Amino acid sequence: MTEWDAADYERISGLQLAMAEEVLALLDLNGARRRILDIGCGNGKITAEIAARVPHATVLGVDPSHEMIEFASCHYDRAIFPNLRFEIADARSLPYREEFDLIVSFNALHWIPQQDDALQ
């Protein structure tokens, strides 16, 4: 697995955030959306934005990078984002089958070898 320097990524990821915000503006995150999964959540900034937009839903961000998940968990406090969690996970072997109403991934799938496994 690739490890990332989460602090550096936080500093240089403005383009990724801007692209994700464009897509988020097009999504209807209300209604039946109760459980949302963000695959390749990185530093958690976009996942936290999703959680802020759907306070009555639960949002889980997963990423294979221990450093990214640690950074996200420290920067997006459960007291402020009670509906948000982060977990270390590999997109190629996620244990979930029908737990989520919506699955998103922003700027992450192209980093995954064996993309067919991840898309399953």
Protein backbone atom coordinates (compact mmCIF):
# COMPACT_ATOMS: atom_id res chain seq x y z
CA MET A 1 0.00 0.00 0.00
CA THR A 2 1.07 3.55 -0.64
CA GLU A 3 1.55 5.76 2.39
CA TRP A 4 1.03 9.47 2.06
CA ASP A 5 2.27 12.41 4.05
CA ALA A 6 -1.12 13.66 5.23
CA ALA A 7 0.08 17.14 6.22
CA ASP A 8 1.65 17.68 2.79
CA TYR A 9 -1.46 16.39 1.09
CA GLU A 10 -3.58 18.80 3.16
CA ARG A 11 -1.41 21.64 1.90
CA ILE A 12 -1.46 20.71 -1.82
CA SER A 13 -4.90 19.14 -2.36
CA GLY A 14 -6.85 22.26 -3.29
CA LEU A 15 -7.51 21.05 -6.84
CA GLN A 16 -8.89 17.72 -5.62
CA LEU A 17 -11.18 19.54 -3.18
CA ALA A 18 -12.42 21.94 -5.87
CA MET A 19 -13.23 19.08 -8.26
CA ALA A 20 -15.04 17.14 -5.53
CA GLU A 21 -17.07 20.20 -4.52
CA GLU A 22 -18.26 20.56 -8.12
CA VAL A 23 -19.52 16.98 -8.10
CA LEU A 24 -21.03 17.29 -4.61
CA ALA A 25 -23.05 20.28 -5.82
CA LEU A 26 -24.68 17.98 -8.40
CA LEU A 27 -25.55 15.19 -5.96
CA ASP A 28 -28.83 14.96 -4.09
CA LEU A 29 -27.51 13.97 -0.68
CA ASN A 30 -30.86 14.25 1.07
CA GLY A 31 -33.89 12.01 0.98
CA ALA A 32 -33.17 8.31 1.32
CA ARG A 33 -29.43 8.77 1.77
CA ARG A 34 -28.81 7.34 5.24
CA ARG A 35 -25.42 5.65 4.88
CA ILE A 36 -22.67 7.04 2.67
CA LEU A 37 -19.26 5.50 1.96
CA ASP A 38 -16.31 7.53 0.66
CA ILE A 39 -13.65 5.24 -0.82
CA GLY A 40 -10.15 6.71 -0.77
CA CYS A 41 -11.09 9.47 1.66
CA GLY A 42 -7.49 10.61 2.13
CA ASN A 43 -7.21 13.36 4.71
CA GLY A 44 -10.98 13.37 5.29
CA LYS A 45 -11.70 16.91 4.14
CA ILE A 46 -14.19 15.93 1.42
CA THR A 47 -15.74 13.23 3.61
CA ALA A 48 -16.28 15.80 6.37
CA GLU A 49 -17.92 18.11 3.84
CA ILE A 50 -20.33 15.31 2.94
CA ALA A 51 -21.07 14.67 6.62
CA ALA A 52 -21.78 18.37 7.17
CA ARG A 53 -24.30 18.33 4.31
CA VAL A 54 -26.19 15.29 5.65
CA PRO A 55 -26.28 15.58 9.44
CA HIS A 56 -28.93 12.84 9.75
CA ALA A 57 -26.95 10.32 7.71
CA THR A 58 -23.86 8.34 8.68
CA VAL A 59 -20.74 8.85 6.62
CA LEU A 60 -17.76 6.48 6.57
CA GLY A 61 -14.47 7.37 4.93
CA VAL A 62 -12.03 4.57 4.15
CA ASP A 63 -8.45 4.74 2.94
CA PRO A 64 -5.55 2.27 2.96
CA SER A 65 -3.12 4.88 4.32
CA HIS A 66 -2.71 4.71 8.08
CA GLU A 67 -1.34 8.26 8.14
CA MET A 68 -4.31 9.65 6.20
CA ILE A 69 -6.84 7.96 8.46
CA GLU A 70 -4.99 9.12 11.58
CA PHE A 71 -4.92 12.68 10.22
CA ALA A 72 -8.63 12.58 9.33
CA SER A 73 -9.61 11.12 12.69
CA CYS A 74 -7.67 13.83 14.54
CA HIS A 75 -8.88 16.75 12.42
CA TYR A 76 -12.59 15.95 12.20
CA ASP A 77 -13.69 15.54 15.79
CA ARG A 78 -16.70 13.34 16.60
CA ALA A 79 -18.05 16.15 18.80
CA ILE A 80 -18.39 18.35 15.71
CA PHE A 81 -19.11 15.55 13.22
CA PRO A 82 -21.03 12.90 15.20
CA ASN A 83 -22.14 11.21 11.97
CA LEU A 84 -18.60 10.77 10.60
CA ARG A 85 -16.16 7.87 10.99
CA PHE A 86 -12.90 6.88 9.34
CA GLU A 87 -11.41 3.40 8.91
CA ILE A 88 -8.30 1.94 7.32
CA ALA A 89 -9.47 -0.24 4.43
CA ASP A 90 -8.35 -1.44 1.02
CA ALA A 91 -10.92 -0.76 -1.72
CA ARG A 92 -10.05 -4.11 -3.31
CA SER A 93 -11.32 -6.07 -0.32
CA LEU A 94 -14.05 -4.09 1.41
CA PRO A 95 -16.35 -6.24 3.56
CA TYR A 96 -19.48 -4.27 2.66
CA ARG A 97 -22.14 -5.54 0.28
CA GLU A 98 -25.40 -3.63 0.74
CA GLU A 99 -24.78 -1.41 3.74
CA PHE A 100 -24.64 1.90 1.89
CA ASP A 101 -27.18 4.02 0.00
CA LEU A 102 -24.45 5.97 -1.78
CA ILE A 103 -20.80 5.24 -2.51
CA VAL A 104 -18.47 7.98 -3.73
CA SER A 105 -14.80 8.16 -4.59
CA PHE A 106 -12.98 11.34 -5.51
CA ASN A 107 -9.53 11.20 -7.12
CA ALA A 108 -8.70 7.80 -5.67
CA LEU A 109 -9.59 4.89 -7.93
CA HIS A 110 -6.83 5.61 -10.44
CA TRP A 111 -4.27 4.87 -7.68
CA ILE A 112 -5.63 1.36 -7.10
CA PRO A 113 -4.05 -1.61 -8.85
CA GLN A 114 -6.59 -4.29 -9.78
CA GLN A 115 -9.35 -1.72 -10.28
CA ASP A 116 -11.82 -4.44 -11.24
CA ASP A 117 -11.51 -5.85 -7.72
CA ALA A 118 -12.18 -2.42 -6.23
CA LEU A 119 -15.24 -1.85 -8.41
CA GLN A 120 -16.76 -5.18 -7.41
